[in-house]
Protein backbone atom coordinates (compact mmCIF):
# COMPACT_ATOMS: atom_id res chain seq x y z
CA UNK A 1 163.35 5.31 95.32
CA UNK A 2 166.52 6.96 96.59
CA UNK A 3 166.62 8.95 99.80
CA UNK A 4 166.83 12.37 98.11
CA UNK A 5 163.72 11.69 96.02
CA UNK A 6 161.93 10.40 99.12
CA UNK A 7 162.66 13.61 101.02
CA UNK A 8 161.41 15.71 98.09
CA UNK A 9 158.22 13.65 97.79
CA UNK A 10 157.70 14.00 101.55
CA UNK A 11 157.85 17.79 101.47
CA UNK A 12 155.69 18.06 98.35
CA UNK A 13 153.13 15.75 99.98
CA UNK A 14 153.16 17.82 103.17
CA UNK A 15 152.50 21.04 101.28
CA UNK A 16 149.79 19.59 99.02
CA UNK A 17 148.14 17.81 101.95
CA UNK A 18 148.02 20.95 104.07
CA UNK A 19 146.71 23.07 101.20
CA UNK A 20 143.95 20.57 100.36
CA UNK A 21 143.01 20.27 104.05
CA UNK A 22 142.88 24.05 104.39
CA UNK A 23 140.65 24.30 101.32
CA UNK A 24 138.39 21.77 103.04
CA UNK A 25 138.08 24.09 106.02
CA UNK A 26 137.55 27.15 103.78
CA UNK A 27 139.66 29.30 106.07
CA UNK A 28 137.35 28.97 109.06
CA UNK A 29 137.49 26.94 112.24
CA UNK A 30 134.94 24.35 111.09
CA UNK A 31 135.37 21.71 108.41
CA UNK A 32 133.01 22.75 105.63
CA UNK A 33 134.04 20.05 103.19
CA UNK A 34 135.00 16.89 105.10
CA UNK A 35 135.99 15.05 101.89
CA UNK A 36 138.64 17.60 100.98
CA UNK A 37 139.87 17.77 104.54
CA UNK A 38 140.11 13.97 104.68
CA UNK A 39 141.90 13.74 101.33
CA UNK A 40 144.39 16.36 102.50
CA UNK A 41 145.09 14.44 105.69
CA UNK A 42 145.50 11.17 103.76
CA UNK A 43 148.02 12.83 101.40
CA UNK A 44 149.91 14.22 104.41
CA UNK A 45 150.01 10.86 106.21
CA UNK A 46 150.98 8.91 103.07
CA UNK A 47 153.88 11.26 102.36
CA UNK A 48 155.07 10.79 105.93
CA UNK A 49 154.70 7.00 105.66
CA UNK A 50 156.69 6.80 102.43
CA UNK A 51 159.45 8.86 104.05
CA UNK A 52 159.64 6.39 106.95
CA UNK A 53 159.98 3.57 104.41
CA UNK A 54 162.35 5.11 101.82
CA UNK A 55 164.26 7.97 103.52
CA UNK A 56 167.15 5.77 104.62
CA UNK A 57 170.91 5.54 104.29
CA UNK A 58 171.59 3.75 100.99
CA UNK A 59 174.52 1.90 102.56
CA UNK A 60 173.30 0.58 105.93
CA UNK A 61 169.55 1.28 105.76
CA UNK A 62 169.47 3.54 108.84
CA UNK A 63 166.39 5.78 108.90
CA UNK A 64 167.28 9.42 108.28
CA UNK A 65 163.92 10.65 109.61
CA UNK A 66 165.42 11.41 113.02
CA UNK A 67 168.22 13.58 111.57
CA UNK A 68 167.48 17.27 112.04
CA UNK A 69 168.15 19.78 109.31
CA UNK A 70 169.24 19.14 105.74
CA UNK A 71 170.18 15.85 104.14
CA UNK A 72 173.30 14.76 106.01
CA UNK A 73 176.57 14.29 104.17
CA UNK A 74 177.49 11.34 106.40
CA UNK A 75 175.27 8.61 107.81
CA UNK A 76 174.93 9.08 111.58
CA UNK A 77 175.09 5.30 112.11
CA UNK A 78 177.74 3.92 109.73
CA UNK A 79 179.65 7.15 109.07
CA UNK A 80 179.82 6.60 105.30
CA UNK A 81 179.40 9.48 102.84
CA UNK A 82 175.80 9.28 101.60
CA UNK A 83 175.24 12.59 99.88
CA UNK A 84 177.08 11.48 96.73
CA UNK A 85 175.95 7.83 96.61
CA UNK A 86 174.04 6.92 93.46
CA UNK A 87 172.05 3.80 94.41
């Protein structure tokens, strides 16, 4: 999986996980459906885990999880252009 796909999957997983968890709470303060809440949290955590594994510079393998903002054009570690790399 390339780093752009990994970032997209991460954000989609975050949104789906939060929505499913909120449905499990039914808008209140208490968890009314613990299965839905748990499934939502698992989706959220798995999307974060896959990002830690796959959201990396395709050239040097540096994790891009600690880069704030958008996908960087240059790798903060090796300085190579990564936004246009097709690996």
